[in-house]
C-alpha cells in the first residue's frame, strides 16, 4: 500500500513516522503547504516528499491520502 500524508507539523510528523513502520506500507509520500517542511521531514524519515498538496493529490504513485488535524468538537 502507498500512502500520502498532507501536513508535516507535529501531528503529521508523528503519523508519517507511524505509517512508515506499518507492515504492508510500501511508501509514504508527504506534502505540506510549505514544500521545504515536507522535504525536511521526508529527509529525516527516509520518505518521499511531493512538491505540494496539489502534486500529492495528482500523483498516481501515492494511493490513499490523509490529512491529520486536531480533534474538534
C-alpha atoms as a PDB file:
ATOM      1  CA  UNK A   1       0.000   0.000   0.000  1.00  0.00           C
ATOM      2  CA  UNK A   2       1.192   3.505  -0.791  1.00  0.00           C
ATOM      3  CA  UNK A   3       0.147   6.373   1.462  1.00  0.00           C
ATOM      4  CA  UNK A   4       0.120  10.133   1.030  1.00  0.00           C
ATOM      5  CA  UNK A   5       0.060  12.448   4.026  1.00  0.00           C
ATOM      6  CA  UNK A   6      -0.848  16.133   3.895  1.00  0.00           C
ATOM      7  CA  UNK A   7       0.628  18.256   6.668  1.00  0.00           C
ATOM      8  CA  UNK A   8       4.073  17.876   8.194  1.00  0.00           C
ATOM      9  CA  UNK A   9       3.618  19.668  11.510  1.00  0.00           C
ATOM     10  CA  UNK A  10       3.937  17.887  14.839  1.00  0.00           C
ATOM     11  CA  UNK A  11       0.910  15.631  14.340  1.00  0.00           C
ATOM     12  CA  UNK A  12       1.710  14.981  10.682  1.00  0.00           C
ATOM     13  CA  UNK A  13       5.292  14.041  11.520  1.00  0.00           C
ATOM     14  CA  UNK A  14       4.032  11.566  14.129  1.00  0.00           C
ATOM     15  CA  UNK A  15       1.648   9.997  11.607  1.00  0.00           C
ATOM     16  CA  UNK A  16       4.338   9.858   8.911  1.00  0.00           C
ATOM     17  CA  UNK A  17       6.743   8.009  11.219  1.00  0.00           C
ATOM     18  CA  UNK A  18       3.965   5.638  12.281  1.00  0.00           C
ATOM     19  CA  UNK A  19       2.849   4.930   8.705  1.00  0.00           C
ATOM     20  CA  UNK A  20       6.455   4.269   7.665  1.00  0.00           C
ATOM     21  CA  UNK A  21       6.596   1.400  10.153  1.00  0.00           C
ATOM     22  CA  UNK A  22       3.210  -0.192   9.371  1.00  0.00           C
ATOM     23  CA  UNK A  23       3.601  -3.626   7.762  1.00  0.00           C
ATOM     24  CA  UNK A  24       2.371  -3.569   4.176  1.00  0.00           C
ATOM     25  CA  UNK A  25       3.004   0.149   3.623  1.00  0.00           C
ATOM     26  CA  UNK A  26       5.488   0.303   0.757  1.00  0.00           C
ATOM     27  CA  UNK A  27       5.861   4.060   0.507  1.00  0.00           C
ATOM     28  CA  UNK A  28       4.824   7.202   2.367  1.00  0.00           C
ATOM     29  CA  UNK A  29       4.733  10.488   0.457  1.00  0.00           C
ATOM     30  CA  UNK A  30       4.410  13.704   2.473  1.00  0.00           C
ATOM     31  CA  UNK A  31       3.214  17.137   1.360  1.00  0.00           C
ATOM     32  CA  UNK A  32       2.796  20.471   3.071  1.00  0.00           C
ATOM     33  CA  UNK A  33       1.711  23.999   2.165  1.00  0.00           C
ATOM     34  CA  UNK A  34       5.394  24.812   2.775  1.00  0.00           C
ATOM     35  CA  UNK A  35       7.213  22.331   0.494  1.00  0.00           C
ATOM     36  CA  UNK A  36      10.548  22.798   2.308  1.00  0.00           C
ATOM     37  CA  UNK A  37       8.953  21.427   5.503  1.00  0.00           C
ATOM     38  CA  UNK A  38       7.791  18.340   3.624  1.00  0.00           C
ATOM     39  CA  UNK A  39      11.266  17.827   2.145  1.00  0.00           C
ATOM     40  CA  UNK A  40      12.897  18.216   5.560  1.00  0.00           C
ATOM     41  CA  UNK A  41      10.584  15.648   7.171  1.00  0.00           C
ATOM     42  CA  UNK A  42      10.997  13.280   4.218  1.00  0.00           C
ATOM     43  CA  UNK A  43      14.784  13.500   4.553  1.00  0.00           C
ATOM     44  CA  UNK A  44      14.632  12.880   8.301  1.00  0.00           C
ATOM     45  CA  UNK A  45      12.370   9.827   7.974  1.00  0.00           C
ATOM     46  CA  UNK A  46      13.580   8.395   4.669  1.00  0.00           C
ATOM     47  CA  UNK A  47      10.306   9.176   2.889  1.00  0.00           C
ATOM     48  CA  UNK A  48       9.421  10.885  -0.367  1.00  0.00           C
ATOM     49  CA  UNK A  49       8.178  14.488  -0.497  1.00  0.00           C
ATOM     50  CA  UNK A  50       5.695  15.829  -3.029  1.00  0.00           C
ATOM     51  CA  UNK A  51       6.190  19.355  -4.382  1.00  0.00           C
ATOM     52  CA  UNK A  52       2.956  20.490  -2.734  1.00  0.00           C
ATOM     53  CA  UNK A  53      -0.521  19.344  -1.777  1.00  0.00           C
ATOM     54  CA  UNK A  54      -1.854  19.521  -5.338  1.00  0.00           C
ATOM     55  CA  UNK A  55       1.120  17.496  -6.588  1.00  0.00           C
ATOM     56  CA  UNK A  56       0.399  14.826  -3.974  1.00  0.00           C
ATOM     57  CA  UNK A  57      -3.269  14.635  -4.901  1.00  0.00           C
ATOM     58  CA  UNK A  58      -2.473  14.136  -8.591  1.00  0.00           C
ATOM     59  CA  UNK A  59       0.454  11.745  -8.004  1.00  0.00           C
ATOM     60  CA  UNK A  60      -0.511   8.265  -9.156  1.00  0.00           C
ATOM     61  CA  UNK A  61       2.340   6.818  -7.072  1.00  0.00           C
ATOM     62  CA  UNK A  62       0.583   7.585  -3.783  1.00  0.00           C
ATOM     63  CA  UNK A  63      -2.509   5.525  -3.059  1.00  0.00           C
ATOM     64  CA  UNK A  64      -4.561   6.832  -0.134  1.00  0.00           C
ATOM     65  CA  UNK A  65      -4.107  10.353   1.176  1.00  0.00           C
ATOM     66  CA  UNK A  66      -4.873  11.640   4.642  1.00  0.00           C
ATOM     67  CA  UNK A  67      -4.655  14.908   6.490  1.00  0.00           C
ATOM     68  CA  UNK A  68      -4.129  14.790  10.272  1.00  0.00           C
ATOM     69  CA  UNK A  69      -5.894  17.528  12.176  1.00  0.00           C
ATOM     70  CA  UNK A  70      -6.563  18.363  15.779  1.00  0.00           C
ATOM     71  CA  UNK A  71      -9.648  16.881  17.333  1.00  0.00           C
ATOM     72  CA  UNK A  72     -12.529  19.334  17.221  1.00  0.00           C
ATOM     73  CA  UNK A  73     -15.917  19.074  18.861  1.00  0.00           C
END
